[in-house]
Amino acid sequence: MIWKKLFILLVGVVAVALFFWFDLGRYLTLETLKANRDGLLGFYARHRAATVAGFIAVYVVQTALSLPGAAILSLAAGAIFGAVMGTAYAVVGATAGAILAFLVTRYLFHDAVERKFGAKLTKLNRELDQAGLNYLLFLRLVPIFPFFLINLAAGLTRMPLRTFFLGTLIGIIPGGFVYVNAGASLASITSIREIATPRVLGSFALLGAFALVPVVYRKLKGARN
């Protein structure tokens, strides 16, 4: 068992190291996307299924390994596939990658964390059993929490895979659509910072707050009782 875990960990470390060693991040920039958009559209016109499958596969790997470039991939989805289908493909890739990161983290580290901090995590796990979906939706919707850290942290808890799947799938749709829709008008974008405006971030924060309304209501009701 320990050798399987070490092998999986080694594969992940090597993959991340190769990404930075070959400086693959240089392909995940706004300038590179703009320069190659016509070529990507031409390839998509000739090989639709292969382009969709390849895009989703790249998004899965990027998310699973917690690599940089998610924003550019979402912009690329809009530039190549359009706002609606681009959002669908980006959400599928990001959700699948997040689930893979969640499962690998749980397999590699969950037992060790339970042995060392199990007693201290009892209250957290009990809370997640009752309202895990609400908390995860809040974390996914409010963009101040790094996406990859949520994947890893959730894997260390007892959150059911079903809850993680639903919370991730639903929670990333609004943010995903904003970036993909911006990618559909790629020529007008000069910086990624233009997309995540204070107004957009505030809207996401408000959605996240609504996700916690049932939790607050339950706690207030319990306090009165």
C-alpha atoms as a PDB file:
ATOM      1  CA  MET A   1       0.000   0.000   0.000  1.00  0.00           C
ATOM      2  CA  ILE A   2       2.723   2.475   0.951  1.00  0.00           C
ATOM      3  CA  TRP A   3       4.549   1.821  -2.319  1.00  0.00           C
ATOM      4  CA  LYS A   4       1.421   2.562  -4.339  1.00  0.00           C
ATOM      5  CA  LYS A   5       1.009   5.848  -2.522  1.00  0.00           C
ATOM      6  CA  LEU A   6       4.649   6.775  -3.014  1.00  0.00           C
ATOM      7  CA  PHE A   7       4.414   5.936  -6.721  1.00  0.00           C
ATOM      8  CA  ILE A   8       1.312   8.099  -7.216  1.00  0.00           C
ATOM      9  CA  LEU A   9       2.925  10.949  -5.293  1.00  0.00           C
ATOM     10  CA  LEU A  10       6.111  10.631  -7.351  1.00  0.00           C
ATOM     11  CA  VAL A  11       4.181  10.703 -10.629  1.00  0.00           C
ATOM     12  CA  GLY A  12       2.408  13.886  -9.543  1.00  0.00           C
ATOM     13  CA  VAL A  13       5.607  15.591  -8.409  1.00  0.00           C
ATOM     14  CA  VAL A  14       7.413  14.667 -11.633  1.00  0.00           C
ATOM     15  CA  ALA A  15       4.525  15.917 -13.764  1.00  0.00           C
ATOM     16  CA  VAL A  16       4.478  19.282 -11.968  1.00  0.00           C
ATOM     17  CA  ALA A  17       8.278  19.528 -12.162  1.00  0.00           C
ATOM     18  CA  LEU A  18       8.216  18.856 -15.915  1.00  0.00           C
ATOM     19  CA  PHE A  19       5.585  21.546 -16.408  1.00  0.00           C
ATOM     20  CA  PHE A  20       7.872  24.155 -14.869  1.00  0.00           C
ATOM     21  CA  TRP A  21      11.098  22.675 -16.270  1.00  0.00           C
ATOM     22  CA  PHE A  22       9.859  23.031 -19.850  1.00  0.00           C
ATOM     23  CA  ASP A  23       8.180  26.331 -19.037  1.00  0.00           C
ATOM     24  CA  LEU A  24       4.854  25.135 -20.430  1.00  0.00           C
ATOM     25  CA  GLY A  25       3.176  28.036 -18.697  1.00  0.00           C
ATOM     26  CA  ARG A  26       4.345  30.258 -21.551  1.00  0.00           C
ATOM     27  CA  TYR A  27       1.595  28.710 -23.681  1.00  0.00           C
ATOM     28  CA  LEU A  28      -1.048  29.649 -21.122  1.00  0.00           C
ATOM     29  CA  THR A  29      -0.981  33.414 -21.556  1.00  0.00           C
ATOM     30  CA  LEU A  30      -3.474  35.862 -23.013  1.00  0.00           C
ATOM     31  CA  GLU A  31      -1.000  36.926 -25.694  1.00  0.00           C
ATOM     32  CA  THR A  32      -0.384  33.339 -26.821  1.00  0.00           C
ATOM     33  CA  LEU A  33      -4.109  32.616 -26.929  1.00  0.00           C
ATOM     34  CA  LYS A  34      -4.788  35.674 -29.076  1.00  0.00           C
ATOM     35  CA  ALA A  35      -1.922  34.864 -31.432  1.00  0.00           C
ATOM     36  CA  ASN A  36      -3.136  31.289 -31.963  1.00  0.00           C
ATOM     37  CA  ARG A  37      -6.899  31.741 -31.921  1.00  0.00           C
ATOM     38  CA  ASP A  38      -7.329  31.480 -35.691  1.00  0.00           C
ATOM     39  CA  GLY A  39      -5.246  28.319 -35.800  1.00  0.00           C
ATOM     40  CA  LEU A  40      -7.259  26.787 -32.964  1.00  0.00           C
ATOM     41  CA  LEU A  41     -10.538  27.664 -34.670  1.00  0.00           C
ATOM     42  CA  GLY A  42      -9.285  26.103 -37.896  1.00  0.00           C
ATOM     43  CA  PHE A  43      -8.281  22.919 -36.119  1.00  0.00           C
ATOM     44  CA  TYR A  44     -11.650  22.801 -34.364  1.00  0.00           C
ATOM     45  CA  ALA A  45     -13.462  23.160 -37.695  1.00  0.00           C
ATOM     46  CA  ARG A  46     -11.589  20.133 -39.061  1.00  0.00           C
ATOM     47  CA  HIS A  47     -11.487  17.985 -35.906  1.00  0.00           C
ATOM     48  CA  ARG A  48     -14.379  18.888 -33.645  1.00  0.00           C
ATOM     49  CA  ALA A  49     -14.488  15.798 -31.433  1.00  0.00           C
ATOM     50  CA  ALA A  50     -10.708  15.660 -31.022  1.00  0.00           C
ATOM     51  CA  THR A  51     -10.564  19.353 -30.092  1.00  0.00           C
ATOM     52  CA  VAL A  52     -13.279  19.001 -27.448  1.00  0.00           C
ATOM     53  CA  ALA A  53     -11.716  15.845 -25.995  1.00  0.00           C
ATOM     54  CA  GLY A  54      -8.236  17.383 -26.024  1.00  0.00           C
ATOM     55  CA  PHE A  55      -9.417  20.580 -24.352  1.00  0.00           C
ATOM     56  CA  ILE A  56     -11.240  18.726 -21.579  1.00  0.00           C
ATOM     57  CA  ALA A  57      -8.233  16.447 -21.042  1.00  0.00           C
ATOM     58  CA  VAL A  58      -5.883  19.434 -20.698  1.00  0.00           C
ATOM     59  CA  TYR A  59      -8.283  21.115 -18.258  1.00  0.00           C
ATOM     60  CA  VAL A  60      -8.516  17.921 -16.189  1.00  0.00           C
ATOM     61  CA  VAL A  61      -4.721  17.610 -15.948  1.00  0.00           C
ATOM     62  CA  GLN A  62      -4.267  21.305 -15.141  1.00  0.00           C
ATOM     63  CA  THR A  63      -6.840  21.149 -12.351  1.00  0.00           C
ATOM     64  CA  ALA A  64      -5.813  17.783 -10.956  1.00  0.00           C
ATOM     65  CA  LEU A  65      -2.165  18.861 -10.663  1.00  0.00           C
ATOM     66  CA  SER A  66      -3.077  22.348  -9.374  1.00  0.00           C
ATOM     67  CA  LEU A  67      -1.139  23.996 -12.197  1.00  0.00           C
ATOM     68  CA  PRO A  68      -1.558  27.657 -13.225  1.00  0.00           C
ATOM     69  CA  GLY A  69      -3.596  28.528 -16.290  1.00  0.00           C
ATOM     70  CA  ALA A  70      -7.251  27.887 -15.413  1.00  0.00           C
ATOM     71  CA  ALA A  71      -8.324  31.417 -16.384  1.00  0.00           C
ATOM     72  CA  ILE A  72      -6.625  31.164 -19.789  1.00  0.00           C
ATOM     73  CA  LEU A  73      -8.194  27.772 -20.439  1.00  0.00           C
ATOM     74  CA  SER A  74     -11.622  29.201 -19.662  1.00  0.00           C
ATOM     75  CA  LEU A  75     -10.978  32.110 -22.018  1.00  0.00           C
ATOM     76  CA  ALA A  76      -9.841  29.620 -24.655  1.00  0.00           C
ATOM     77  CA  ALA A  77     -13.073  27.680 -24.213  1.00  0.00           C
ATOM     78  CA  GLY A  78     -15.075  30.792 -25.057  1.00  0.00           C
ATOM     79  CA  ALA A  79     -12.826  31.753 -27.946  1.00  0.00           C
ATOM     80  CA  ILE A  80     -13.043  28.314 -29.553  1.00  0.00           C
ATOM     81  CA  PHE A  81     -16.418  26.853 -28.590  1.00  0.00           C
ATOM     82  CA  GLY A  82     -18.539  29.897 -27.770  1.00  0.00           C
ATOM     83  CA  ALA A  83     -20.057  30.982 -24.459  1.00  0.00           C
ATOM     84  CA  VAL A  84     -22.564  28.165 -23.881  1.00  0.00           C
ATOM     85  CA  MET A  85     -20.699  25.081 -25.051  1.00  0.00           C
ATOM     86  CA  GLY A  86     -17.411  26.548 -23.843  1.00  0.00           C
ATOM     87  CA  THR A  87     -18.839  26.866 -20.334  1.00  0.00           C
ATOM     88  CA  ALA A  88     -20.068  23.273 -20.473  1.00  0.00           C
ATOM     89  CA  TYR A  89     -16.685  21.915 -21.546  1.00  0.00           C
ATOM     90  CA  ALA A  90     -14.761  24.056 -19.051  1.00  0.00           C
ATOM     91  CA  VAL A  91     -17.031  23.058 -16.164  1.00  0.00           C
ATOM     92  CA  VAL A  92     -16.748  19.368 -17.074  1.00  0.00           C
ATOM     93  CA  GLY A  93     -12.953  19.569 -17.231  1.00  0.00           C
ATOM     94  CA  ALA A  94     -12.601  21.570 -14.023  1.00  0.00           C
ATOM     95  CA  THR A  95     -15.031  19.354 -12.111  1.00  0.00           C
ATOM     96  CA  ALA A  96     -13.363  16.138 -13.265  1.00  0.00           C
ATOM     97  CA  GLY A  97      -9.930  17.508 -12.399  1.00  0.00           C
ATOM     98  CA  ALA A  98     -11.112  18.663  -8.985  1.00  0.00           C
ATOM     99  CA  ILE A  99     -12.585  15.231  -8.254  1.00  0.00           C
ATOM    100  CA  LEU A 100      -9.314  13.590  -9.254  1.00  0.00           C
ATOM    101  CA  ALA A 101      -7.347  15.901  -6.935  1.00  0.00           C
ATOM    102  CA  PHE A 102      -9.881  15.251  -4.157  1.00  0.00           C
ATOM    103  CA  LEU A 103      -9.649  11.461  -4.522  1.00  0.00           C
ATOM    104  CA  VAL A 104      -5.849  11.366  -4.763  1.00  0.00           C
ATOM    105  CA  THR A 105      -5.480  13.600  -1.701  1.00  0.00           C
ATOM    106  CA  ARG A 106      -7.910  11.429   0.246  1.00  0.00           C
ATOM    107  CA  TYR A 107      -6.111   8.240  -0.786  1.00  0.00           C
ATOM    108  CA  LEU A 108      -2.638   9.565   0.001  1.00  0.00           C
ATOM    109  CA  PHE A 109      -3.127  11.616   3.146  1.00  0.00           C
ATOM    110  CA  HIS A 110      -6.585  11.160   4.709  1.00  0.00           C
ATOM    111  CA  ASP A 111      -5.681   8.222   6.966  1.00  0.00           C
ATOM    112  CA  ALA A 112      -2.549   9.950   8.261  1.00  0.00           C
ATOM    113  CA  VAL A 113      -4.490  13.150   9.019  1.00  0.00           C
ATOM    114  CA  GLU A 114      -7.209  11.151  10.774  1.00  0.00           C
ATOM    115  CA  ARG A 115      -4.685   9.389  12.985  1.00  0.00           C
ATOM    116  CA  LYS A 116      -3.006  12.615  14.011  1.00  0.00           C
ATOM    117  CA  PHE A 117      -5.875  15.108  14.122  1.00  0.00           C
ATOM    118  CA  GLY A 118      -8.987  12.892  14.164  1.00  0.00           C
ATOM    119  CA  ALA A 119     -10.245  14.098  17.537  1.00  0.00           C
ATOM    120  CA  LYS A 120      -9.742  17.744  16.619  1.00  0.00           C
ATOM    121  CA  LEU A 121     -11.576  17.291  13.313  1.00  0.00           C
ATOM    122  CA  THR A 122     -14.644  15.628  14.831  1.00  0.00           C
ATOM    123  CA  LYS A 123     -16.623  18.864  15.102  1.00  0.00           C
ATOM    124  CA  LEU A 124     -15.653  19.914  11.559  1.00  0.00           C
ATOM    125  CA  ASN A 125     -16.657  16.567  10.084  1.00  0.00           C
ATOM    126  CA  ARG A 126     -19.975  16.645  11.958  1.00  0.00           C
ATOM    127  CA  GLU A 127     -20.686  20.110  10.554  1.00  0.00           C
ATOM    128  CA  LEU A 128     -19.809  18.935   7.041  1.00  0.00           C
ATOM    129  CA  ASP A 129     -22.164  15.998   7.430  1.00  0.00           C
ATOM    130  CA  GLN A 130     -25.006  18.412   8.133  1.00  0.00           C
ATOM    131  CA  ALA A 131     -24.234  21.253   5.712  1.00  0.00           C
ATOM    132  CA  GLY A 132     -21.225  20.260   3.639  1.00  0.00           C
ATOM    133  CA  LEU A 133     -22.890  21.219   0.362  1.00  0.00           C
ATOM    134  CA  ASN A 134     -23.706  24.718   1.610  1.00  0.00           C
ATOM    135  CA  TYR A 135     -20.180  25.344   2.829  1.00  0.00           C
ATOM    136  CA  LEU A 136     -18.653  24.032  -0.394  1.00  0.00           C
ATOM    137  CA  LEU A 137     -20.947  26.179  -2.525  1.00  0.00           C
ATOM    138  CA  PHE A 138     -19.888  29.207  -0.492  1.00  0.00           C
ATOM    139  CA  LEU A 139     -16.208  28.392  -0.981  1.00  0.00           C
ATOM    140  CA  ARG A 140     -16.646  27.806  -4.718  1.00  0.00           C
ATOM    141  CA  LEU A 141     -18.687  30.936  -5.310  1.00  0.00           C
ATOM    142  CA  VAL A 142     -16.571  33.375  -3.305  1.00  0.00           C
ATOM    143  CA  PRO A 143     -13.427  33.802  -5.421  1.00  0.00           C
ATOM    144  CA  ILE A 144     -11.051  34.686  -2.554  1.00  0.00           C
ATOM    145  CA  PHE A 145     -10.536  30.993  -1.791  1.00  0.00           C
ATOM    146  CA  PRO A 146      -7.995  29.264  -4.113  1.00  0.00           C
ATOM    147  CA  PHE A 147      -9.664  26.532  -6.144  1.00  0.00           C
ATOM    148  CA  PHE A 148      -6.881  23.993  -5.717  1.00  0.00           C
ATOM    149  CA  LEU A 149      -6.683  24.444  -1.939  1.00  0.00           C
ATOM    150  CA  ILE A 150     -10.371  23.652  -1.597  1.00  0.00           C
ATOM    151  CA  ASN A 151      -9.848  20.425  -3.560  1.00  0.00           C
ATOM    152  CA  LEU A 152      -6.986  19.355  -1.326  1.00  0.00           C
ATOM    153  CA  ALA A 153      -8.574  20.415   1.964  1.00  0.00           C
ATOM    154  CA  ALA A 154     -11.856  18.685   1.173  1.00  0.00           C
ATOM    155  CA  GLY A 155     -10.003  15.462   0.475  1.00  0.00           C
ATOM    156  CA  LEU A 156      -8.643  15.501   4.015  1.00  0.00           C
ATOM    157  CA  THR A 157     -12.121  15.640   5.542  1.00  0.00           C
ATOM    158  CA  ARG A 158     -14.932  13.084   5.547  1.00  0.00           C
ATOM    159  CA  MET A 159     -16.967  15.007   2.989  1.00  0.00           C
ATOM    160  CA  PRO A 160     -18.739  12.490   0.727  1.00  0.00           C
ATOM    161  CA  LEU A 161     -17.665  12.399  -2.907  1.00  0.00           C
ATOM    162  CA  ARG A 162     -21.264  13.042  -3.972  1.00  0.00           C
ATOM    163  CA  THR A 163     -21.350  16.282  -1.981  1.00  0.00           C
ATOM    164  CA  PHE A 164     -17.995  17.392  -3.361  1.00  0.00           C
ATOM    165  CA  PHE A 165     -19.124  16.638  -6.912  1.00  0.00           C
ATOM    166  CA  LEU A 166     -22.408  18.562  -6.643  1.00  0.00           C
ATOM    167  CA  GLY A 167     -20.880  21.511  -4.799  1.00  0.00           C
ATOM    168  CA  THR A 168     -18.078  21.830  -7.310  1.00  0.00           C
ATOM    169  CA  LEU A 169     -20.232  21.343 -10.400  1.00  0.00           C
ATOM    170  CA  ILE A 170     -22.839  23.888  -9.342  1.00  0.00           C
ATOM    171  CA  GLY A 171     -20.489  26.295  -7.614  1.00  0.00           C
ATOM    172  CA  ILE A 172     -18.106  26.879 -10.510  1.00  0.00           C
ATOM    173  CA  ILE A 173     -20.725  27.511 -13.195  1.00  0.00           C
ATOM    174  CA  PRO A 174     -21.190  31.272 -12.508  1.00  0.00           C
ATOM    175  CA  GLY A 175     -17.473  32.070 -12.430  1.00  0.00           C
ATOM    176  CA  GLY A 176     -16.784  29.750 -15.330  1.00  0.00           C
ATOM    177  CA  PHE A 177     -19.416  31.439 -17.470  1.00  0.00           C
ATOM    178  CA  VAL A 178     -17.990  34.894 -16.767  1.00  0.00           C
ATOM    179  CA  TYR A 179     -14.534  33.907 -18.013  1.00  0.00           C
ATOM    180  CA  VAL A 180     -15.763  31.794 -20.922  1.00  0.00           C
ATOM    181  CA  ASN A 181     -18.147  34.513 -22.052  1.00  0.00           C
ATOM    182  CA  ALA A 182     -15.270  36.993 -21.936  1.00  0.00           C
ATOM    183  CA  GLY A 183     -13.235  34.610 -24.077  1.00  0.00           C
ATOM    184  CA  ALA A 184     -15.973  34.667 -26.699  1.00  0.00           C
ATOM    185  CA  SER A 185     -15.057  38.362 -27.161  1.00  0.00           C
ATOM    186  CA  LEU A 186     -11.332  37.753 -26.903  1.00  0.00           C
ATOM    187  CA  ALA A 187     -10.267  40.671 -29.099  1.00  0.00           C
ATOM    188  CA  SER A 188     -11.661  43.186 -26.610  1.00  0.00           C
ATOM    189  CA  ILE A 189      -9.689  41.829 -23.641  1.00  0.00           C
ATOM    190  CA  THR A 190      -6.316  43.357 -22.833  1.00  0.00           C
ATOM    191  CA  SER A 191      -5.850  41.896 -19.356  1.00  0.00           C
ATOM    192  CA  ILE A 192      -7.380  39.093 -17.304  1.00  0.00           C
ATOM    193  CA  ARG A 193      -7.848  41.601 -14.491  1.00  0.00           C
ATOM    194  CA  GLU A 194     -10.517  43.311 -16.570  1.00  0.00           C
ATOM    195  CA  ILE A 195     -12.777  40.287 -16.140  1.00  0.00           C
ATOM    196  CA  ALA A 196     -12.791  39.933 -12.367  1.00  0.00           C
ATOM    197  CA  THR A 197     -14.074  43.441 -11.626  1.00  0.00           C
ATOM    198  CA  PRO A 198     -15.154  44.450  -8.099  1.00  0.00           C
ATOM    199  CA  ARG A 199     -18.783  44.327  -9.262  1.00  0.00           C
ATOM    200  CA  VAL A 200     -18.416  40.749 -10.525  1.00  0.00           C
ATOM    201  CA  LEU A 201     -16.584  39.650  -7.380  1.00  0.00           C
ATOM    202  CA  GLY A 202     -19.247  41.283  -5.240  1.00  0.00           C
ATOM    203  CA  SER A 203     -21.959  39.392  -7.119  1.00  0.00           C
ATOM    204  CA  PHE A 204     -20.176  36.099  -6.473  1.00  0.00           C
ATOM    205  CA  ALA A 205     -19.782  36.970  -2.795  1.00  0.00           C
ATOM    206  CA  LEU A 206     -23.521  37.666  -2.583  1.00  0.00           C
ATOM    207  CA  LEU A 207     -24.313  34.293  -4.180  1.00  0.00           C
ATOM    208  CA  GLY A 208     -21.953  32.648  -1.717  1.00  0.00           C
ATOM    209  CA  ALA A 209     -23.728  34.348   1.169  1.00  0.00           C
ATOM    210  CA  PHE A 210     -27.074  32.995  -0.044  1.00  0.00           C
ATOM    211  CA  ALA A 211     -25.594  29.489   0.008  1.00  0.00           C
ATOM    212  CA  LEU A 212     -25.027  29.877   3.761  1.00  0.00           C
ATOM    213  CA  VAL A 213     -28.567  31.080   4.562  1.00  0.00           C
ATOM    214  CA  PRO A 214     -29.826  27.562   5.459  1.00  0.00           C
ATOM    215  CA  VAL A 215     -26.818  27.059   7.748  1.00  0.00           C
ATOM    216  CA  VAL A 216     -27.403  30.354   9.560  1.00  0.00           C
ATOM    217  CA  TYR A 217     -31.114  29.588   9.891  1.00  0.00           C
ATOM    218  CA  ARG A 218     -30.405  26.153  11.371  1.00  0.00           C
ATOM    219  CA  LYS A 219     -27.963  27.583  13.896  1.00  0.00           C
ATOM    220  CA  LEU A 220     -30.332  30.374  14.934  1.00  0.00           C
ATOM    221  CA  LYS A 221     -33.160  27.882  15.299  1.00  0.00           C
ATOM    222  CA  GLY A 222     -30.978  25.610  17.372  1.00  0.00           C
ATOM    223  CA  ALA A 223     -29.923  28.512  19.599  1.00  0.00           C
ATOM    224  CA  ARG A 224     -33.568  29.478  20.254  1.00  0.00           C
ATOM    225  CA  ASN A 225     -34.455  25.895  21.108  1.00  0.00           C
END
